[in-house]
Amino acid sequence: MKDTLTPAEARRIALAAQGFAQPRPEGGIGKRQLLKTIERLGVVQIDSVNVVSRTHYLPAFSRLGAYPRPLLEEIAWGRKRPLFEYWAHEASLLPLSAQPLLRWRMADAHDGVGTWKGIARFLRERRDFVDRVLSEIGERGPLSASELEMGHKGEGGWWGWSDAKRAVECLFWTGELTTATRRGTFERVYGLPEKVLPAAVVDAPTPPREDAWRELIRISARAMGVATAKDLRDYFRLPVEGFRDRLAELVEAGDLVPVTVKGWRETAYLDPAARRPRRVEAHALLSPFDNLIWFRERTERIFGVKVRLEIYTPAHKRTHGYYVLPFLEGDALTARVDLKADRKAGDLIVQASHAEPWAGEATPIALAEELKLMAGWLGLERVRVEGRGDLAAPLAAALAHS
């Protein structure tokens, strides 16, 4: 007989799995705590949008508070980094232990499978050029696309990438190159895995595809606590074909427990080790690319909120704003704020602020505190609230009295 969970129980399990059911650490936050948070999540999405902060910095802030930002750069791109970059959910940072688990994707990319169409075409039509780029980096050491100085600047498609940029991105997909470091304004520098990654990782055996998928699903289940099959498949963007077989194998082995969540139309799968807290008292601003909310269907199912990324929506058609961060209060999403960091003026600007129907009198007060914490973490002096949105006036008042 399946275990039955209420929606509130499932929500608290999901929040606990994501690290929101425990208090933030007091005092200084070190490398060990930051790495443990990322290992708990299994993967952190990378995105170049820098209106507030690049998104890969934000999940740790949401869970730990104001940690030193250079710590993430050290563990992601330092000499002895415990993380690496690859296509996982999207472009992502992951623990090094996941590298062998994604080699099937690298092999598929080499064959033109599971990649962008442009990548597959370039690999097929320009392999000689791609091999020349690989040889150049092998001889000269890690290089950025601009340093390769090969090919010509493209027009249109692929954001006007040069042939060199196309080549290194192809090689990144196939795993023949990896990120050696990031430079300047987030420019990726590419190197050979055997020169960049630890020997223990490079020499680790490649697991069979089926074993790798099962382990990736286990990581997803631990990170989500309770999830549908679609949730689990989305976490690492696993292919449809073969996924249900791996899921059934994990259920048979006892690694996943089928459960019913009232109101969910599909069977859910529970991590047997998942915590089931009676209360969650979190306060956190969430990046629109945060693991907790990145799969919009799951977000609506768990929180009863439709979260839509409006970056690519024309300004006059946006409902909540350009770069909107939902506010987690307790175990509910109670507000949304459209934020922008004005680094020259030293302001964190709340361009719009909206309350959910169930927000309470404490919501603007708690949100004000979190915004002040974020401003300080970003090196900004003030939080400035503009008048758009039904929460703007109470939020401005809360900030004025804090």
Protein backbone atom coordinates (compact mmCIF):
# COMPACT_ATOMS: atom_id res chain seq x y z
CA MET A 1 0.00 0.00 0.00
CA LYS A 2 1.31 3.43 -0.92
CA ASP A 3 2.07 5.94 1.78
CA THR A 4 -0.18 8.99 1.52
CA LEU A 5 1.08 12.52 2.11
CA THR A 6 -0.83 15.75 2.44
CA PRO A 7 0.27 18.62 0.17
CA ALA A 8 1.70 20.42 3.23
CA GLU A 9 3.74 17.36 4.22
CA ALA A 10 5.09 17.00 0.68
CA ARG A 11 5.97 20.70 0.60
CA ARG A 12 7.89 20.51 3.89
CA ILE A 13 9.72 17.37 2.75
CA ALA A 14 10.74 19.16 -0.46
CA LEU A 15 11.94 22.21 1.47
CA ALA A 16 13.93 20.10 3.92
CA ALA A 17 15.60 18.21 1.08
CA GLN A 18 16.64 21.55 -0.45
CA GLY A 19 18.17 22.79 2.80
CA PHE A 20 15.46 25.19 3.97
CA ALA A 21 14.34 23.36 7.12
CA GLN A 22 17.43 24.12 9.16
CA PRO A 23 18.54 27.49 10.53
CA ARG A 24 21.23 29.38 8.70
CA PRO A 25 24.67 29.01 10.29
CA GLU A 26 25.73 31.66 12.75
CA GLY A 27 29.10 33.32 12.38
CA GLY A 28 31.40 32.98 9.38
CA ILE A 29 30.51 30.63 6.54
CA GLY A 30 33.42 28.60 5.21
CA LYS A 31 34.27 26.51 2.20
CA ARG A 32 33.08 23.27 3.81
CA GLN A 33 29.57 24.61 4.43
CA LEU A 34 29.33 26.04 0.91
CA LEU A 35 30.45 22.80 -0.69
CA LYS A 36 28.09 20.75 1.47
CA THR A 37 25.19 22.92 0.28
CA ILE A 38 26.09 22.38 -3.37
CA GLU A 39 26.56 18.65 -2.82
CA ARG A 40 23.10 18.52 -1.23
CA LEU A 41 21.63 20.14 -4.35
CA GLY A 42 23.67 17.96 -6.69
CA VAL A 43 23.79 20.65 -9.38
CA VAL A 44 23.66 24.46 -9.55
CA GLN A 45 22.55 26.20 -12.73
CA ILE A 46 24.85 28.80 -14.31
CA ASP A 47 23.44 31.82 -16.08
CA SER A 48 25.11 34.98 -17.35
CA VAL A 49 22.30 37.44 -16.47
CA ASN A 50 23.81 39.84 -13.93
CA VAL A 51 20.96 42.25 -13.14
CA VAL A 52 21.19 41.35 -9.44
CA SER A 53 23.85 38.67 -9.27
CA ARG A 54 24.70 35.80 -11.57
CA THR A 55 22.38 33.03 -10.55
CA HIS A 56 24.96 30.45 -9.46
CA TYR A 57 25.86 32.67 -6.48
CA LEU A 58 22.26 32.88 -5.28
CA PRO A 59 21.22 29.34 -4.16
CA ALA A 60 23.90 29.30 -1.47
CA PHE A 61 22.89 32.79 -0.30
CA SER A 62 19.26 31.68 -0.08
CA ARG A 63 20.20 28.77 2.17
CA LEU A 64 23.26 29.99 4.10
CA GLY A 65 22.91 33.76 4.15
CA ALA A 66 25.70 36.21 3.40
CA TYR A 67 28.61 33.91 2.60
CA PRO A 68 31.85 35.31 1.04
CA ARG A 69 31.24 35.32 -2.72
CA PRO A 70 34.92 34.61 -3.60
CA LEU A 71 34.49 31.22 -1.91
CA LEU A 72 32.26 30.06 -4.74
CA GLU A 73 34.80 31.22 -7.32
CA GLU A 74 37.50 29.30 -5.47
CA ILE A 75 35.64 26.00 -5.33
CA ALA A 76 34.35 26.38 -8.90
CA TRP A 77 37.40 27.71 -10.75
CA GLY A 78 40.38 27.63 -8.36
CA ARG A 79 43.43 25.39 -8.79
CA LYS A 80 42.11 22.62 -6.54
CA ARG A 81 38.42 23.01 -7.22
CA PRO A 82 35.94 20.33 -6.07
CA LEU A 83 33.43 21.38 -8.74
CA PHE A 84 33.34 21.24 -12.53
CA GLU A 85 31.14 22.65 -15.30
CA TYR A 86 29.00 20.71 -17.72
CA TRP A 87 25.53 20.48 -19.23
CA ALA A 88 23.44 18.91 -16.48
CA HIS A 89 20.12 20.70 -15.84
CA GLU A 90 21.32 23.49 -18.09
CA ALA A 91 24.88 24.83 -18.02
CA SER A 92 25.77 23.85 -14.48
CA LEU A 93 28.28 23.53 -11.67
CA LEU A 94 28.46 20.04 -10.18
CA PRO A 95 30.59 18.07 -7.69
CA LEU A 96 33.48 16.30 -9.40
CA SER A 97 31.98 12.96 -8.44
CA ALA A 98 29.28 13.55 -11.06
CA GLN A 99 31.73 13.79 -13.97
CA PRO A 100 31.83 10.04 -14.74
CA LEU A 101 28.02 9.93 -14.42
CA LEU A 102 27.66 12.33 -17.35
CA ARG A 103 30.08 10.72 -19.79
CA TRP A 104 27.17 9.04 -21.58
CA ARG A 105 25.95 12.55 -22.46
CA MET A 106 29.42 13.47 -23.71
CA ALA A 107 29.50 10.34 -25.86
CA ASP A 108 26.05 11.14 -27.25
CA ALA A 109 27.16 14.69 -28.07
CA HIS A 110 30.16 13.32 -29.95
CA ASP A 111 27.66 11.45 -32.13
CA GLY A 112 25.49 14.55 -32.55
CA VAL A 113 22.77 13.28 -30.20
CA GLY A 114 21.14 15.31 -27.41
CA THR A 115 22.84 18.62 -28.24
CA TRP A 116 21.74 21.83 -29.91
CA LYS A 117 21.21 21.34 -33.65
CA GLY A 118 23.94 23.85 -34.40
CA ILE A 119 26.45 21.90 -32.29
CA ALA A 120 25.63 18.63 -34.02
CA ARG A 121 25.89 20.24 -37.47
CA PHE A 122 29.22 21.95 -36.71
CA LEU A 123 30.69 18.71 -35.37
CA ARG A 124 29.55 16.88 -38.47
CA GLU A 125 30.59 19.45 -41.05
CA ARG A 126 33.68 21.03 -39.47
CA ARG A 127 35.33 18.18 -37.54
CA ASP A 128 38.76 18.95 -39.06
CA PHE A 129 38.54 22.51 -37.75
CA VAL A 130 37.30 21.30 -34.35
CA ASP A 131 40.29 18.94 -34.13
CA ARG A 132 42.66 21.80 -34.96
CA VAL A 133 41.23 23.83 -32.08
CA LEU A 134 41.59 20.86 -29.75
CA SER A 135 45.21 20.41 -30.83
CA GLU A 136 45.92 24.13 -30.34
CA ILE A 137 44.69 24.03 -26.74
CA GLY A 138 46.61 20.80 -26.16
CA GLU A 139 49.82 22.51 -27.27
CA ARG A 140 49.34 25.99 -25.77
CA GLY A 141 47.37 25.17 -22.63
CA PRO A 142 44.02 26.63 -21.51
CA LEU A 143 42.64 29.32 -23.82
CA SER A 144 39.49 31.35 -24.25
CA ALA A 145 37.71 31.45 -27.59
CA SER A 146 38.94 35.00 -28.18
CA GLU A 147 42.55 33.90 -27.61
CA LEU A 148 42.33 31.22 -30.27
CA GLU A 149 42.05 33.87 -33.01
CA MET A 150 40.84 31.38 -35.55
CA GLY A 151 37.94 31.50 -37.96
CA HIS A 152 35.78 34.57 -38.52
CA LYS A 153 33.07 36.35 -36.61
CA GLY A 154 29.72 34.80 -37.37
CA GLU A 155 26.62 36.67 -38.40
CA GLY A 156 23.26 36.00 -36.76
CA GLY A 157 22.60 32.50 -35.28
CA TRP A 158 24.58 31.32 -32.28
CA TRP A 159 24.67 34.94 -31.06
CA GLY A 160 27.24 35.85 -33.72
CA TRP A 161 29.79 33.36 -32.37
CA SER A 162 33.11 32.99 -34.15
CA ASP A 163 34.09 29.61 -35.56
CA ALA A 164 36.55 29.24 -32.67
CA LYS A 165 33.74 29.76 -30.15
CA ARG A 166 31.60 27.21 -31.97
CA ALA A 167 34.45 24.72 -31.89
CA VAL A 168 35.22 25.03 -28.19
CA GLU A 169 31.52 24.78 -27.32
CA CYS A 170 31.31 21.60 -29.40
CA LEU A 171 34.31 20.20 -27.54
CA PHE A 172 32.81 21.23 -24.22
CA TRP A 173 29.66 19.25 -25.05
CA THR A 174 31.68 16.17 -26.00
CA GLY A 175 33.81 16.40 -22.86
CA GLU A 176 37.03 16.80 -24.85
CA LEU A 177 37.42 20.22 -23.25
CA THR A 178 36.32 21.49 -19.86
CA THR A 179 36.38 24.82 -18.05
CA ALA A 180 39.86 25.57 -16.75
CA THR A 181 38.74 28.84 -15.15
CA ARG A 182 36.58 31.93 -15.73
CA ARG A 183 38.17 35.28 -16.47
CA GLY A 184 37.17 38.94 -16.44
CA THR A 185 33.47 39.38 -17.08
CA PHE A 186 32.71 35.68 -16.84
CA GLU A 187 34.67 34.54 -19.93
CA ARG A 188 35.18 30.78 -19.99
CA VAL A 189 38.74 29.50 -20.47
CA TYR A 190 38.90 25.98 -21.92
CA GLY A 191 41.41 23.25 -21.10
CA LEU A 192 41.94 19.54 -21.56
CA PRO A 193 40.22 17.50 -18.81
CA GLU A 194 43.39 15.50 -18.16
CA LYS A 195 45.24 18.76 -17.46
CA VAL A 196 42.46 20.48 -15.50
CA LEU A 197 40.58 17.83 -13.51
CA PRO A 198 42.14 15.65 -10.79
CA ALA A 199 43.67 12.41 -12.04
CA ALA A 200 41.36 10.42 -9.78
CA VAL A 201 38.36 11.82 -11.66
CA VAL A 202 39.84 11.48 -15.14
CA ASP A 203 40.95 7.89 -14.44
CA ALA A 204 37.70 6.85 -12.77
CA PRO A 205 35.94 4.10 -14.75
CA THR A 206 33.01 5.12 -16.91
CA PRO A 207 29.87 3.47 -15.53
CA PRO A 208 27.38 1.85 -17.89
CA ARG A 209 24.67 4.24 -18.98
CA GLU A 210 22.03 2.43 -16.92
CA ASP A 211 24.11 2.65 -13.72
CA ALA A 212 24.83 6.34 -14.32
CA TRP A 213 21.15 7.13 -14.83
CA ARG A 214 20.15 5.30 -11.67
CA GLU A 215 22.70 7.26 -9.65
CA LEU A 216 21.60 10.56 -11.18
CA ILE A 217 18.00 9.74 -10.28
CA ARG A 218 19.10 8.92 -6.70
CA ILE A 219 20.84 12.31 -6.48
CA SER A 220 17.71 14.00 -7.80
CA ALA A 221 15.49 12.17 -5.30
CA ARG A 222 17.71 13.18 -2.38
CA ALA A 223 17.71 16.80 -3.58
CA MET A 224 13.91 16.95 -3.98
CA GLY A 225 12.75 14.66 -1.17
CA VAL A 226 9.51 13.75 -2.90
CA ALA A 227 8.98 14.06 -6.64
CA THR A 228 7.05 12.77 -9.62
CA ALA A 229 8.74 10.88 -12.43
CA LYS A 230 8.70 14.04 -14.53
CA ASP A 231 10.34 16.01 -11.69
CA LEU A 232 13.07 13.39 -11.37
CA ARG A 233 13.76 13.27 -15.09
CA ASP A 234 13.91 17.07 -15.37
CA TYR A 235 16.52 17.54 -12.64
CA PHE A 236 19.35 16.29 -14.89
CA ARG A 237 17.33 16.51 -18.13
CA LEU A 238 17.45 12.76 -18.69
CA PRO A 239 16.06 11.37 -21.96
CA VAL A 240 12.59 9.85 -22.01
CA GLU A 241 13.60 6.52 -23.52
CA GLY A 242 14.73 4.12 -20.82
CA PHE A 243 13.92 6.44 -17.92
CA ARG A 244 10.86 4.51 -16.67
CA ASP A 245 12.88 1.30 -16.63
CA ARG A 246 15.55 2.86 -14.41
CA LEU A 247 12.85 4.30 -12.15
CA ALA A 248 11.22 0.88 -11.76
CA GLU A 249 14.59 -0.66 -10.91
CA LEU A 250 15.14 1.89 -8.13
CA VAL A 251 11.67 1.21 -6.71
CA GLU A 252 12.32 -2.53 -6.76
CA ALA A 253 15.64 -2.01 -4.97
CA GLY A 254 13.95 0.12 -2.29
CA ASP A 255 15.87 3.27 -3.26
CA LEU A 256 12.60 5.05 -4.02
CA VAL A 257 9.21 4.61 -2.34
CA PRO A 258 6.05 5.27 -4.40
CA VAL A 259 3.66 7.53 -2.50
CA THR A 260 0.39 9.31 -3.10
CA VAL A 261 0.27 13.06 -2.51
CA LYS A 262 -3.28 14.36 -2.19
CA GLY A 263 -4.05 16.66 -5.10
CA TRP A 264 -1.14 15.45 -7.22
CA ARG A 265 -2.35 13.71 -10.35
CA GLU A 266 0.72 11.50 -10.73
CA THR A 267 2.41 9.02 -8.42
CA ALA A 268 5.23 10.56 -6.42
CA TYR A 269 8.47 8.93 -5.31
CA LEU A 270 9.87 9.49 -1.83
CA ASP A 271 13.53 9.35 -0.87
CA PRO A 272 13.45 6.81 2.01
CA ALA A 273 15.91 8.96 3.98
CA ALA A 274 13.98 12.20 3.47
CA ARG A 275 13.30 14.34 6.51
CA ARG A 276 9.66 15.02 7.38
CA PRO A 277 9.72 18.24 9.44
CA ARG A 278 6.56 19.40 11.18
CA ARG A 279 7.43 23.05 10.55
CA VAL A 280 9.64 25.02 8.19
CA GLU A 281 10.50 28.58 9.16
CA ALA A 282 12.60 29.75 6.23
CA HIS A 283 13.09 33.29 4.97
CA ALA A 284 14.78 33.35 1.56
CA LEU A 285 14.82 35.20 -1.73
CA LEU A 286 15.00 32.68 -4.56
CA SER A 287 16.74 33.10 -7.89
CA PRO A 288 14.34 32.37 -10.76
CA PHE A 289 16.83 29.58 -11.61
CA ASP A 290 16.92 28.13 -8.07
CA ASN A 291 16.62 24.33 -7.90
CA LEU A 292 13.54 24.63 -5.70
CA ILE A 293 11.50 26.43 -8.36
CA TRP A 294 13.24 25.92 -11.71
CA PHE A 295 10.69 23.33 -12.91
CA ARG A 296 7.60 25.53 -13.16
CA GLU A 297 5.11 22.66 -13.18
CA ARG A 298 6.53 21.35 -9.88
CA THR A 299 6.55 24.84 -8.38
CA GLU A 300 2.85 25.30 -9.06
CA ARG A 301 2.06 21.83 -7.73
CA ILE A 302 3.95 22.36 -4.47
CA PHE A 303 3.34 26.05 -3.76
CA GLY A 304 0.17 26.85 -5.69
CA VAL A 305 2.01 29.65 -7.51
CA LYS A 306 2.66 30.10 -11.22
CA VAL A 307 6.24 31.34 -11.55
CA ARG A 308 7.01 32.63 -15.02
CA LEU A 309 10.40 33.85 -16.23
CA GLU A 310 9.64 37.13 -17.99
CA ILE A 311 13.15 38.09 -19.12
CA TYR A 312 12.24 37.29 -22.71
CA THR A 313 8.74 38.81 -22.48
CA PRO A 314 8.31 42.31 -23.99
CA ALA A 315 8.34 44.88 -21.18
CA HIS A 316 4.73 45.99 -21.67
CA LYS A 317 3.51 42.39 -21.34
CA ARG A 318 5.33 41.54 -18.10
CA THR A 319 3.20 40.89 -15.03
CA HIS A 320 5.78 40.96 -12.24
CA GLY A 321 8.95 42.31 -13.85
CA TYR A 322 12.20 41.44 -15.60
CA TYR A 323 14.25 39.54 -12.98
CA VAL A 324 11.79 38.40 -10.35
CA LEU A 325 12.76 36.61 -7.17
CA PRO A 326 10.00 34.84 -5.21
CA PHE A 327 10.16 35.22 -1.44
CA LEU A 328 9.97 32.05 0.65
CA GLU A 329 8.40 32.76 4.03
CA GLY A 330 7.96 29.76 6.28
CA ASP A 331 6.86 27.03 3.89
CA ALA A 332 5.05 29.31 1.42
CA LEU A 333 5.95 31.66 -1.41
CA THR A 334 4.36 34.87 -0.17
CA ALA A 335 5.75 37.62 -2.42
CA ARG A 336 7.72 38.42 -5.57
CA VAL A 337 10.19 41.23 -6.10
CA ASP A 338 11.70 42.49 -9.35
CA LEU A 339 15.24 43.41 -8.33
CA LYS A 340 18.09 45.31 -9.90
CA ALA A 341 21.50 46.12 -8.46
CA ASP A 342 22.56 49.70 -9.22
CA ARG A 343 26.22 49.23 -8.36
CA LYS A 344 27.21 52.78 -9.25
CA ALA A 345 24.63 54.31 -6.89
CA GLY A 346 25.02 51.60 -4.26
CA ASP A 347 21.31 50.70 -4.37
CA LEU A 348 19.44 47.43 -4.51
CA ILE A 349 16.34 48.58 -6.36
CA VAL A 350 13.00 46.89 -5.84
CA GLN A 351 11.48 47.80 -9.19
CA ALA A 352 8.20 46.05 -8.38
CA SER A 353 6.87 44.11 -5.39
CA HIS A 354 3.78 41.92 -5.33
CA ALA A 355 2.15 39.95 -2.52
CA GLU A 356 0.53 36.55 -2.93
CA PRO A 357 -3.08 36.32 -1.64
CA TRP A 358 -1.96 34.50 1.52
CA ALA A 359 0.75 36.98 2.50
CA GLY A 360 0.35 38.33 6.02
CA GLU A 361 1.23 41.45 7.96
CA ALA A 362 4.63 39.98 8.76
CA THR A 363 5.51 39.47 5.08
CA PRO A 364 6.82 43.00 4.27
CA ILE A 365 8.80 43.03 7.53
CA ALA A 366 10.47 39.67 6.85
CA LEU A 367 11.05 40.59 3.21
CA ALA A 368 12.63 43.91 4.19
CA GLU A 369 15.14 42.11 6.41
CA GLU A 370 16.05 39.69 3.64
CA LEU A 371 16.48 42.51 1.13
CA LYS A 372 18.79 44.36 3.52
CA LEU A 373 20.83 41.19 4.00
CA MET A 374 21.10 40.74 0.22
CA ALA A 375 22.11 44.36 -0.33
CA GLY A 376 24.93 44.06 2.18
CA TRP A 377 26.06 40.76 0.64
CA LEU A 378 26.20 42.42 -2.78
CA GLY A 379 28.22 45.34 -1.40
CA LEU A 380 25.33 47.80 -1.79
CA GLU A 381 24.45 50.47 0.75
CA ARG A 382 20.67 50.77 0.48
CA VAL A 383 17.44 49.13 -0.57
CA ARG A 384 15.28 51.43 -2.66
CA VAL A 385 11.63 50.58 -3.28
CA GLU A 386 9.87 51.91 -6.34
CA GLY A 387 6.10 52.28 -6.39
CA ARG A 388 5.01 49.46 -8.67
CA GLY A 389 3.05 46.57 -7.13
CA ASP A 390 0.61 46.08 -4.27
CA LEU A 391 3.38 45.36 -1.77
CA ALA A 392 5.43 48.47 -2.53
CA ALA A 393 3.97 50.77 0.14
CA PRO A 394 4.09 48.32 3.09
CA LEU A 395 7.55 47.16 2.02
CA ALA A 396 8.86 50.73 1.87
CA ALA A 397 7.36 51.39 5.31
CA ALA A 398 8.96 48.24 6.74
CA LEU A 399 12.35 49.29 5.40
CA ALA A 400 11.94 52.81 6.78
CA HIS A 401 11.30 51.43 10.27
CA SER A 402 13.95 48.70 10.24
